[in-house]
């Protein structure tokens, strides 16, 4: 069923090495629902 209404989920990822010449990193995300709706967090 995935993440049902009223809940959230965390997805952990280990990453490295982080850049030394940047203050932030942008991760664009697409969230797809069971009704085929896609929300673009970009």
ModelCIF file with pLDDT and N, C-alpha, C, O atoms, coordinates in Angstrom:
data_MODEL
#
_entry.id   MODEL 
#
_entity.id                         1 
_entity.type                       polymer 
_entity.pdbx_number_of_molecules   1 
#
_entity_poly.entity_id                      1 
_entity_poly.type                           'polypeptide(L)' 
_entity_poly.nstd_linkage                   no 
_entity_poly.nstd_monomer                   no 
_entity_poly.pdbx_seq_one_letter_code       
;(UNK)(UNK)(UNK)(UNK)(UNK)(UNK)(UNK)(UNK)(UNK)(UNK)(UNK)(UNK)(UNK)(UNK)(UNK)(UNK)
(UNK)(UNK)(UNK)(UNK)(UNK)(UNK)(UNK)(UNK)(UNK)(UNK)(UNK)(UNK)(UNK)(UNK)(UNK)(UNK)
(UNK)(UNK)(UNK)(UNK)(UNK)(UNK)(UNK)(UNK)(UNK)(UNK)
;
_entity_poly.pdbx_seq_one_letter_code_can   XXXXXXXXXXXXXXXXXXXXXXXXXXXXXXXXXXXXXXXXXX 
_entity_poly.pdbx_strand_id                 A 
#
loop_
_entity_poly_seq.entity_id 
_entity_poly_seq.num 
_entity_poly_seq.mon_id 
_entity_poly_seq.hetero 
1 1  UNK n 
1 2  UNK n 
1 3  UNK n 
1 4  UNK n 
1 5  UNK n 
1 6  UNK n 
1 7  UNK n 
1 8  UNK n 
1 9  UNK n 
1 10 UNK n 
1 11 UNK n 
1 12 UNK n 
1 13 UNK n 
1 14 UNK n 
1 15 UNK n 
1 16 UNK n 
1 17 UNK n 
1 18 UNK n 
1 19 UNK n 
1 20 UNK n 
1 21 UNK n 
1 22 UNK n 
1 23 UNK n 
1 24 UNK n 
1 25 UNK n 
1 26 UNK n 
1 27 UNK n 
1 28 UNK n 
1 29 UNK n 
1 30 UNK n 
1 31 UNK n 
1 32 UNK n 
1 33 UNK n 
1 34 UNK n 
1 35 UNK n 
1 36 UNK n 
1 37 UNK n 
1 38 UNK n 
1 39 UNK n 
1 40 UNK n 
1 41 UNK n 
1 42 UNK n 
#
_struct_asym.id          A 
_struct_asym.entity_id   1 
#
loop_
_ma_qa_metric.id 
_ma_qa_metric.mode 
_ma_qa_metric.name 
_ma_qa_metric.software_group_id 
_ma_qa_metric.type 
1 global pLDDT . pLDDT 
2 local  pLDDT . pLDDT 
#
_ma_qa_metric_global.metric_id      1 
_ma_qa_metric_global.metric_value   96.10 
_ma_qa_metric_global.model_id       1 
_ma_qa_metric_global.ordinal_id     1 
#
loop_
_ma_qa_metric_local.label_asym_id 
_ma_qa_metric_local.label_comp_id 
_ma_qa_metric_local.label_seq_id 
_ma_qa_metric_local.metric_id 
_ma_qa_metric_local.metric_value 
_ma_qa_metric_local.model_id 
_ma_qa_metric_local.ordinal_id 
A UNK 1  2 95.00 1 1  
A UNK 2  2 97.00 1 2  
A UNK 3  2 98.00 1 3  
A UNK 4  2 97.00 1 4  
A UNK 5  2 96.00 1 5  
A UNK 6  2 95.00 1 6  
A UNK 7  2 97.00 1 7  
A UNK 8  2 97.00 1 8  
A UNK 9  2 97.00 1 9  
A UNK 10 2 97.00 1 10 
A UNK 11 2 98.00 1 11 
A UNK 12 2 98.00 1 12 
A UNK 13 2 98.00 1 13 
A UNK 14 2 97.00 1 14 
A UNK 15 2 97.00 1 15 
A UNK 16 2 89.00 1 16 
A UNK 17 2 91.00 1 17 
A UNK 18 2 95.00 1 18 
A UNK 19 2 93.00 1 19 
A UNK 20 2 92.00 1 20 
A UNK 21 2 91.00 1 21 
A UNK 22 2 94.00 1 22 
A UNK 23 2 94.00 1 23 
A UNK 24 2 95.00 1 24 
A UNK 25 2 96.00 1 25 
A UNK 26 2 96.00 1 26 
A UNK 27 2 97.00 1 27 
A UNK 28 2 97.00 1 28 
A UNK 29 2 98.00 1 29 
A UNK 30 2 98.00 1 30 
A UNK 31 2 98.00 1 31 
A UNK 32 2 98.00 1 32 
A UNK 33 2 98.00 1 33 
A UNK 34 2 98.00 1 34 
A UNK 35 2 97.00 1 35 
A UNK 36 2 96.00 1 36 
A UNK 37 2 97.00 1 37 
A UNK 38 2 97.00 1 38 
A UNK 39 2 97.00 1 39 
A UNK 40 2 97.00 1 40 
A UNK 41 2 97.00 1 41 
A UNK 42 2 96.00 1 42 
#
loop_
_atom_site.group_PDB 
_atom_site.id 
_atom_site.type_symbol 
_atom_site.label_atom_id 
_atom_site.label_alt_id 
_atom_site.label_comp_id 
_atom_site.label_asym_id 
_atom_site.label_entity_id 
_atom_site.label_seq_id 
_atom_site.pdbx_PDB_ins_code 
_atom_site.Cartn_x 
_atom_site.Cartn_y 
_atom_site.Cartn_z 
_atom_site.occupancy 
_atom_site.B_iso_or_equiv 
_atom_site.pdbx_formal_charge 
_atom_site.auth_seq_id 
_atom_site.auth_comp_id 
_atom_site.auth_asym_id 
_atom_site.auth_atom_id 
_atom_site.pdbx_PDB_model_num 
ATOM 1   N N  . UNK A 1 1  ? 0.805  -1.225 0.000   1.00 95.00 ? 1  UNK A N  1 
ATOM 2   C CA . UNK A 1 1  ? 0.000  0.000  0.000   1.00 95.00 ? 1  UNK A CA 1 
ATOM 3   C C  . UNK A 1 1  ? 0.836  1.272  0.000   1.00 95.00 ? 1  UNK A C  1 
ATOM 4   O O  . UNK A 1 1  ? 0.328  2.334  -0.359  1.00 95.00 ? 1  UNK A O  1 
ATOM 5   N N  . UNK A 1 2  ? 2.103  1.195  0.393   1.00 97.00 ? 2  UNK A N  1 
ATOM 6   C CA . UNK A 1 2  ? 2.929  2.397  0.440   1.00 97.00 ? 2  UNK A CA 1 
ATOM 7   C C  . UNK A 1 2  ? 2.636  3.250  1.667   1.00 97.00 ? 2  UNK A C  1 
ATOM 8   O O  . UNK A 1 2  ? 2.300  2.730  2.731   1.00 97.00 ? 2  UNK A O  1 
ATOM 9   N N  . UNK A 1 3  ? 2.764  4.556  1.510   1.00 98.00 ? 3  UNK A N  1 
ATOM 10  C CA . UNK A 1 3  ? 2.535  5.498  2.610   1.00 98.00 ? 3  UNK A CA 1 
ATOM 11  C C  . UNK A 1 3  ? 1.072  5.920  2.565   1.00 98.00 ? 3  UNK A C  1 
ATOM 12  O O  . UNK A 1 3  ? 0.653  6.625  1.646   1.00 98.00 ? 3  UNK A O  1 
ATOM 13  N N  . UNK A 1 4  ? 0.315  5.500  3.533   1.00 97.00 ? 4  UNK A N  1 
ATOM 14  C CA . UNK A 1 4  ? -1.113 5.778  3.533   1.00 97.00 ? 4  UNK A CA 1 
ATOM 15  C C  . UNK A 1 4  ? -1.412 7.181  4.078   1.00 97.00 ? 4  UNK A C  1 
ATOM 16  O O  . UNK A 1 4  ? -0.549 7.791  4.710   1.00 97.00 ? 4  UNK A O  1 
ATOM 17  N N  . UNK A 1 5  ? -2.620 7.695  3.840   1.00 96.00 ? 5  UNK A N  1 
ATOM 18  C CA . UNK A 1 5  ? -2.983 9.026  4.339   1.00 96.00 ? 5  UNK A CA 1 
ATOM 19  C C  . UNK A 1 5  ? -2.769 9.133  5.850   1.00 96.00 ? 5  UNK A C  1 
ATOM 20  O O  . UNK A 1 5  ? -3.115 8.224  6.604   1.00 96.00 ? 5  UNK A O  1 
ATOM 21  N N  . UNK A 1 6  ? -2.196 10.254 6.274   1.00 95.00 ? 6  UNK A N  1 
ATOM 22  C CA . UNK A 1 6  ? -1.959 10.484 7.691   1.00 95.00 ? 6  UNK A CA 1 
ATOM 23  C C  . UNK A 1 6  ? -0.633 9.966  8.191   1.00 95.00 ? 6  UNK A C  1 
ATOM 24  O O  . UNK A 1 6  ? -0.372 10.024 9.392   1.00 95.00 ? 6  UNK A O  1 
ATOM 25  N N  . UNK A 1 7  ? 0.228  9.452  7.297   1.00 97.00 ? 7  UNK A N  1 
ATOM 26  C CA . UNK A 1 7  ? 1.515  8.887  7.705   1.00 97.00 ? 7  UNK A CA 1 
ATOM 27  C C  . UNK A 1 7  ? 2.639  9.447  6.842   1.00 97.00 ? 7  UNK A C  1 
ATOM 28  O O  . UNK A 1 7  ? 2.403  10.058 5.800   1.00 97.00 ? 7  UNK A O  1 
ATOM 29  N N  . UNK A 1 8  ? 3.889  9.219  7.310   1.00 97.00 ? 8  UNK A N  1 
ATOM 30  C CA . UNK A 1 8  ? 5.051  9.561  6.511   1.00 97.00 ? 8  UNK A CA 1 
ATOM 31  C C  . UNK A 1 8  ? 6.039  8.402  6.568   1.00 97.00 ? 8  UNK A C  1 
ATOM 32  O O  . UNK A 1 8  ? 5.883  7.479  7.367   1.00 97.00 ? 8  UNK A O  1 
ATOM 33  N N  . UNK A 1 9  ? 7.048  8.458  5.718   1.00 97.00 ? 9  UNK A N  1 
ATOM 34  C CA . UNK A 1 9  ? 8.079  7.430  5.673   1.00 97.00 ? 9  UNK A CA 1 
ATOM 35  C C  . UNK A 1 9  ? 9.433  8.097  5.501   1.00 97.00 ? 9  UNK A C  1 
ATOM 36  O O  . UNK A 1 9  ? 9.556  9.092  4.787   1.00 97.00 ? 9  UNK A O  1 
ATOM 37  N N  . UNK A 1 10 ? 10.450 7.547  6.158   1.00 97.00 ? 10 UNK A N  1 
ATOM 38  C CA . UNK A 1 10 ? 11.814 8.024  5.968   1.00 97.00 ? 10 UNK A CA 1 
ATOM 39  C C  . UNK A 1 10 ? 12.604 7.005  5.158   1.00 97.00 ? 10 UNK A C  1 
ATOM 40  O O  . UNK A 1 10 ? 12.480 5.797  5.356   1.00 97.00 ? 10 UNK A O  1 
ATOM 41  N N  . UNK A 1 11 ? 13.420 7.519  4.241   1.00 98.00 ? 11 UNK A N  1 
ATOM 42  C CA . UNK A 1 11 ? 14.255 6.676  3.391   1.00 98.00 ? 11 UNK A CA 1 
ATOM 43  C C  . UNK A 1 11 ? 15.717 7.066  3.625   1.00 98.00 ? 11 UNK A C  1 
ATOM 44  O O  . UNK A 1 11 ? 16.177 8.071  3.083   1.00 98.00 ? 11 UNK A O  1 
ATOM 45  N N  . UNK A 1 12 ? 16.455 6.283  4.426   1.00 98.00 ? 12 UNK A N  1 
ATOM 46  C CA . UNK A 1 12 ? 17.850 6.633  4.752   1.00 98.00 ? 12 UNK A CA 1 
ATOM 47  C C  . UNK A 1 12 ? 18.831 6.227  3.647   1.00 98.00 ? 12 UNK A C  1 
ATOM 48  O O  . UNK A 1 12 ? 18.691 5.177  3.021   1.00 98.00 ? 12 UNK A O  1 
ATOM 49  N N  . UNK A 1 13 ? 19.831 7.099  3.427   1.00 98.00 ? 13 UNK A N  1 
ATOM 50  C CA . UNK A 1 13 ? 20.865 6.846  2.435   1.00 98.00 ? 13 UNK A CA 1 
ATOM 51  C C  . UNK A 1 13 ? 22.202 7.321  2.991   1.00 98.00 ? 13 UNK A C  1 
ATOM 52  O O  . UNK A 1 13 ? 22.310 8.441  3.492   1.00 98.00 ? 13 UNK A O  1 
ATOM 53  N N  . UNK A 1 14 ? 23.222 6.467  2.901   1.00 97.00 ? 14 UNK A N  1 
ATOM 54  C CA . UNK A 1 14 ? 24.580 6.859  3.285   1.00 97.00 ? 14 UNK A CA 1 
ATOM 55  C C  . UNK A 1 14 ? 25.274 7.423  2.052   1.00 97.00 ? 14 UNK A C  1 
ATOM 56  O O  . UNK A 1 14 ? 25.284 6.782  1.002   1.00 97.00 ? 14 UNK A O  1 
ATOM 57  N N  . UNK A 1 15 ? 25.857 8.625  2.168   1.00 97.00 ? 15 UNK A N  1 
ATOM 58  C CA . UNK A 1 15 ? 26.481 9.275  1.013   1.00 97.00 ? 15 UNK A CA 1 
ATOM 59  C C  . UNK A 1 15 ? 27.867 9.812  1.369   1.00 97.00 ? 15 UNK A C  1 
ATOM 60  O O  . UNK A 1 15 ? 28.179 10.046 2.536   1.00 97.00 ? 15 UNK A O  1 
ATOM 61  N N  . UNK A 1 16 ? 28.690 10.002 0.337   1.00 89.00 ? 16 UNK A N  1 
ATOM 62  C CA . UNK A 1 16 ? 29.998 10.605 0.524   1.00 89.00 ? 16 UNK A CA 1 
ATOM 63  C C  . UNK A 1 16 ? 30.795 10.525 -0.780  1.00 89.00 ? 16 UNK A C  1 
ATOM 64  O O  . UNK A 1 16 ? 30.365 9.849  -1.714  1.00 89.00 ? 16 UNK A O  1 
ATOM 65  N N  . UNK A 1 17 ? 31.912 11.182 -0.861  1.00 91.00 ? 17 UNK A N  1 
ATOM 66  C CA . UNK A 1 17 ? 32.210 12.237 0.079   1.00 91.00 ? 17 UNK A CA 1 
ATOM 67  C C  . UNK A 1 17 ? 31.470 13.498 -0.347  1.00 91.00 ? 17 UNK A C  1 
ATOM 68  O O  . UNK A 1 17 ? 31.275 13.752 -1.535  1.00 91.00 ? 17 UNK A O  1 
ATOM 69  N N  . UNK A 1 18 ? 31.065 14.276 0.637   1.00 95.00 ? 18 UNK A N  1 
ATOM 70  C CA . UNK A 1 18 ? 30.351 15.509 0.346   1.00 95.00 ? 18 UNK A CA 1 
ATOM 71  C C  . UNK A 1 18 ? 31.317 16.555 -0.208  1.00 95.00 ? 18 UNK A C  1 
ATOM 72  O O  . UNK A 1 18 ? 32.478 16.594 0.201   1.00 95.00 ? 18 UNK A O  1 
ATOM 73  N N  . UNK A 1 19 ? 30.865 17.392 -1.121  1.00 93.00 ? 19 UNK A N  1 
ATOM 74  C CA . UNK A 1 19 ? 31.768 18.376 -1.745  1.00 93.00 ? 19 UNK A CA 1 
ATOM 75  C C  . UNK A 1 19 ? 32.282 19.392 -0.732  1.00 93.00 ? 19 UNK A C  1 
ATOM 76  O O  . UNK A 1 19 ? 31.611 19.727 0.244   1.00 93.00 ? 19 UNK A O  1 
ATOM 77  N N  . UNK A 1 20 ? 33.491 19.868 -0.996  1.00 92.00 ? 20 UNK A N  1 
ATOM 78  C CA . UNK A 1 20 ? 34.088 20.892 -0.129  1.00 92.00 ? 20 UNK A CA 1 
ATOM 79  C C  . UNK A 1 20 ? 33.882 22.296 -0.686  1.00 92.00 ? 20 UNK A C  1 
ATOM 80  O O  . UNK A 1 20 ? 34.157 23.285 -0.007  1.00 92.00 ? 20 UNK A O  1 
ATOM 81  N N  . UNK A 1 21 ? 33.400 22.379 -1.914  1.00 91.00 ? 21 UNK A N  1 
ATOM 82  C CA . UNK A 1 21 ? 33.248 23.684 -2.569  1.00 91.00 ? 21 UNK A CA 1 
ATOM 83  C C  . UNK A 1 21 ? 31.790 24.074 -2.751  1.00 91.00 ? 21 UNK A C  1 
ATOM 84  O O  . UNK A 1 21 ? 31.453 24.823 -3.668  1.00 91.00 ? 21 UNK A O  1 
ATOM 85  N N  . UNK A 1 22 ? 30.916 23.562 -1.871  1.00 94.00 ? 22 UNK A N  1 
ATOM 86  C CA . UNK A 1 22 ? 29.490 23.907 -1.947  1.00 94.00 ? 22 UNK A CA 1 
ATOM 87  C C  . UNK A 1 22 ? 28.934 24.050 -0.536  1.00 94.00 ? 22 UNK A C  1 
ATOM 88  O O  . UNK A 1 22 ? 29.415 23.410 0.400   1.00 94.00 ? 22 UNK A O  1 
ATOM 89  N N  . UNK A 1 23 ? 27.924 24.890 -0.393  1.00 94.00 ? 23 UNK A N  1 
ATOM 90  C CA . UNK A 1 23 ? 27.282 25.092 0.908   1.00 94.00 ? 23 UNK A CA 1 
ATOM 91  C C  . UNK A 1 23 ? 25.996 24.283 1.041   1.00 94.00 ? 23 UNK A C  1 
ATOM 92  O O  . UNK A 1 23 ? 25.480 24.102 2.144   1.00 94.00 ? 23 UNK A O  1 
ATOM 93  N N  . UNK A 1 24 ? 25.486 23.803 -0.079  1.00 95.00 ? 24 UNK A N  1 
ATOM 94  C CA . UNK A 1 24 ? 24.264 23.011 -0.039  1.00 95.00 ? 24 UNK A CA 1 
ATOM 95  C C  . UNK A 1 24 ? 24.170 22.136 -1.282  1.00 95.00 ? 24 UNK A C  1 
ATOM 96  O O  . UNK A 1 24 ? 24.813 22.388 -2.301  1.00 95.00 ? 24 UNK A O  1 
ATOM 97  N N  . UNK A 1 25 ? 23.346 21.096 -1.161  1.00 96.00 ? 25 UNK A N  1 
ATOM 98  C CA . UNK A 1 25 ? 23.079 20.210 -2.282  1.00 96.00 ? 25 UNK A CA 1 
ATOM 99  C C  . UNK A 1 25 ? 21.567 20.140 -2.483  1.00 96.00 ? 25 UNK A C  1 
ATOM 100 O O  . UNK A 1 25 ? 20.804 20.073 -1.520  1.00 96.00 ? 25 UNK A O  1 
ATOM 101 N N  . UNK A 1 26 ? 21.149 20.156 -3.742  1.00 96.00 ? 26 UNK A N  1 
ATOM 102 C CA . UNK A 1 26 ? 19.730 20.100 -4.074  1.00 96.00 ? 26 UNK A CA 1 
ATOM 103 C C  . UNK A 1 26 ? 19.403 18.714 -4.625  1.00 96.00 ? 26 UNK A C  1 
ATOM 104 O O  . UNK A 1 26 ? 20.051 18.236 -5.557  1.00 96.00 ? 26 UNK A O  1 
ATOM 105 N N  . UNK A 1 27 ? 18.390 18.076 -4.040  1.00 97.00 ? 27 UNK A N  1 
ATOM 106 C CA . UNK A 1 27 ? 17.933 16.768 -4.486  1.00 97.00 ? 27 UNK A CA 1 
ATOM 107 C C  . UNK A 1 27 ? 16.490 16.907 -4.979  1.00 97.00 ? 27 UNK A C  1 
ATOM 108 O O  . UNK A 1 27 ? 15.571 17.022 -4.169  1.00 97.00 ? 27 UNK A O  1 
ATOM 109 N N  . UNK A 1 28 ? 16.288 16.898 -6.268  1.00 97.00 ? 28 UNK A N  1 
ATOM 110 C CA . UNK A 1 28 ? 14.928 17.016 -6.792  1.00 97.00 ? 28 UNK A CA 1 
ATOM 111 C C  . UNK A 1 28 ? 14.196 15.687 -6.625  1.00 97.00 ? 28 UNK A C  1 
ATOM 112 O O  . UNK A 1 28 ? 14.788 14.617 -6.763  1.00 97.00 ? 28 UNK A O  1 
ATOM 113 N N  . UNK A 1 29 ? 12.899 15.771 -6.326  1.00 98.00 ? 29 UNK A N  1 
ATOM 114 C CA . UNK A 1 29 ? 12.136 14.563 -5.993  1.00 98.00 ? 29 UNK A CA 1 
ATOM 115 C C  . UNK A 1 29 ? 10.813 14.509 -6.740  1.00 98.00 ? 29 UNK A C  1 
ATOM 116 O O  . UNK A 1 29 ? 10.172 15.532 -6.981  1.00 98.00 ? 29 UNK A O  1 
ATOM 117 N N  . UNK A 1 30 ? 10.418 13.290 -7.102  1.00 98.00 ? 30 UNK A N  1 
ATOM 118 C CA . UNK A 1 30 ? 9.099  13.036 -7.687  1.00 98.00 ? 30 UNK A CA 1 
ATOM 119 C C  . UNK A 1 30 ? 8.358  12.080 -6.759  1.00 98.00 ? 30 UNK A C  1 
ATOM 120 O O  . UNK A 1 30 ? 8.870  11.016 -6.414  1.00 98.00 ? 30 UNK A O  1 
ATOM 121 N N  . UNK A 1 31 ? 7.165  12.463 -6.365  1.00 98.00 ? 31 UNK A N  1 
ATOM 122 C CA . UNK A 1 31 ? 6.332  11.662 -5.465  1.00 98.00 ? 31 UNK A CA 1 
ATOM 123 C C  . UNK A 1 31 ? 5.094  11.191 -6.229  1.00 98.00 ? 31 UNK A C  1 
ATOM 124 O O  . UNK A 1 31 ? 4.291  12.004 -6.687  1.00 98.00 ? 31 UNK A O  1 
ATOM 125 N N  . UNK A 1 32 ? 4.948  9.873  -6.360  1.00 98.00 ? 32 UNK A N  1 
ATOM 126 C CA . UNK A 1 32 ? 3.838  9.309  -7.116  1.00 98.00 ? 32 UNK A CA 1 
ATOM 127 C C  . UNK A 1 32 ? 2.817  8.686  -6.181  1.00 98.00 ? 32 UNK A C  1 
ATOM 128 O O  . UNK A 1 32 ? 3.170  7.954  -5.256  1.00 98.00 ? 32 UNK A O  1 
ATOM 129 N N  . UNK A 1 33 ? 1.530  8.987  -6.435  1.00 98.00 ? 33 UNK A N  1 
ATOM 130 C CA . UNK A 1 33 ? 0.440  8.462  -5.614  1.00 98.00 ? 33 UNK A CA 1 
ATOM 131 C C  . UNK A 1 33 ? -0.245 7.287  -6.310  1.00 98.00 ? 33 UNK A C  1 
ATOM 132 O O  . UNK A 1 33 ? -0.064 7.054  -7.505  1.00 98.00 ? 33 UNK A O  1 
ATOM 133 N N  . UNK A 1 34 ? -1.030 6.562  -5.532  1.00 98.00 ? 34 UNK A N  1 
ATOM 134 C CA . UNK A 1 34 ? -1.726 5.385  -6.041  1.00 98.00 ? 34 UNK A CA 1 
ATOM 135 C C  . UNK A 1 34 ? -2.769 5.738  -7.102  1.00 98.00 ? 34 UNK A C  1 
ATOM 136 O O  . UNK A 1 34 ? -3.182 4.873  -7.875  1.00 98.00 ? 34 UNK A O  1 
ATOM 137 N N  . UNK A 1 35 ? -3.197 6.998  -7.144  1.00 97.00 ? 35 UNK A N  1 
ATOM 138 C CA . UNK A 1 35 ? -4.150 7.427  -8.176  1.00 97.00 ? 35 UNK A CA 1 
ATOM 139 C C  . UNK A 1 35 ? -3.442 7.959  -9.425  1.00 97.00 ? 35 UNK A C  1 
ATOM 140 O O  . UNK A 1 35 ? -4.061 8.583  -10.286 1.00 97.00 ? 35 UNK A O  1 
ATOM 141 N N  . UNK A 1 36 ? -2.124 7.699  -9.507  1.00 96.00 ? 36 UNK A N  1 
ATOM 142 C CA . UNK A 1 36 ? -1.278 8.076  -10.653 1.00 96.00 ? 36 UNK A CA 1 
ATOM 143 C C  . UNK A 1 36 ? -0.859 9.545  -10.638 1.00 96.00 ? 36 UNK A C  1 
ATOM 144 O O  . UNK A 1 36 ? -0.157 9.988  -11.547 1.00 96.00 ? 36 UNK A O  1 
ATOM 145 N N  . UNK A 1 37 ? -1.273 10.302 -9.636  1.00 97.00 ? 37 UNK A N  1 
ATOM 146 C CA . UNK A 1 37 ? -0.831 11.690 -9.543  1.00 97.00 ? 37 UNK A CA 1 
ATOM 147 C C  . UNK A 1 37 ? 0.662  11.738 -9.217  1.00 97.00 ? 37 UNK A C  1 
ATOM 148 O O  . UNK A 1 37 ? 1.149  10.967 -8.389  1.00 97.00 ? 37 UNK A O  1 
ATOM 149 N N  . UNK A 1 38 ? 1.374  12.637 -9.863  1.00 97.00 ? 38 UNK A N  1 
ATOM 150 C CA . UNK A 1 38 ? 2.804  12.824 -9.618  1.00 97.00 ? 38 UNK A CA 1 
ATOM 151 C C  . UNK A 1 38 ? 3.033  14.264 -9.154  1.00 97.00 ? 38 UNK A C  1 
ATOM 152 O O  . UNK A 1 38 ? 2.687  15.216 -9.854  1.00 97.00 ? 38 UNK A O  1 
ATOM 153 N N  . UNK A 1 39 ? 3.616  14.407 -7.976  1.00 97.00 ? 39 UNK A N  1 
ATOM 154 C CA . UNK A 1 39 ? 3.954  15.728 -7.450  1.00 97.00 ? 39 UNK A CA 1 
ATOM 155 C C  . UNK A 1 39 ? 5.456  15.920 -7.621  1.00 97.00 ? 39 UNK A C  1 
ATOM 156 O O  . UNK A 1 39 ? 6.258  15.109 -7.158  1.00 97.00 ? 39 UNK A O  1 
ATOM 157 N N  . UNK A 1 40 ? 5.816  16.999 -8.289  1.00 97.00 ? 40 UNK A N  1 
ATOM 158 C CA . UNK A 1 40 ? 7.221  17.256 -8.630  1.00 97.00 ? 40 UNK A CA 1 
ATOM 159 C C  . UNK A 1 40 ? 7.816  18.281 -7.667  1.00 97.00 ? 40 UNK A C  1 
ATOM 160 O O  . UNK A 1 40 ? 7.566  19.481 -7.777  1.00 97.00 ? 40 UNK A O  1 
ATOM 161 N N  . UNK A 1 41 ? 8.606  17.779 -6.726  1.00 97.00 ? 41 UNK A N  1 
ATOM 162 C CA . UNK A 1 41 ? 9.279  18.646 -5.757  1.00 97.00 ? 41 UNK A CA 1 
ATOM 163 C C  . UNK A 1 41 ? 10.626 19.049 -6.355  1.00 97.00 ? 41 UNK A C  1 
ATOM 164 O O  . UNK A 1 41 ? 11.664 18.498 -5.988  1.00 97.00 ? 41 UNK A O  1 
ATOM 165 N N  . UNK A 1 42 ? 10.606 20.013 -7.279  1.00 96.00 ? 42 UNK A N  1 
ATOM 166 C CA . UNK A 1 42 ? 11.805 20.321 -8.060  1.00 96.00 ? 42 UNK A CA 1 
ATOM 167 C C  . UNK A 1 42 ? 12.152 21.811 -8.083  1.00 96.00 ? 42 UNK A C  1 
ATOM 168 O O  . UNK A 1 42 ? 13.138 22.206 -8.705  1.00 96.00 ? 42 UNK A O  1 
#
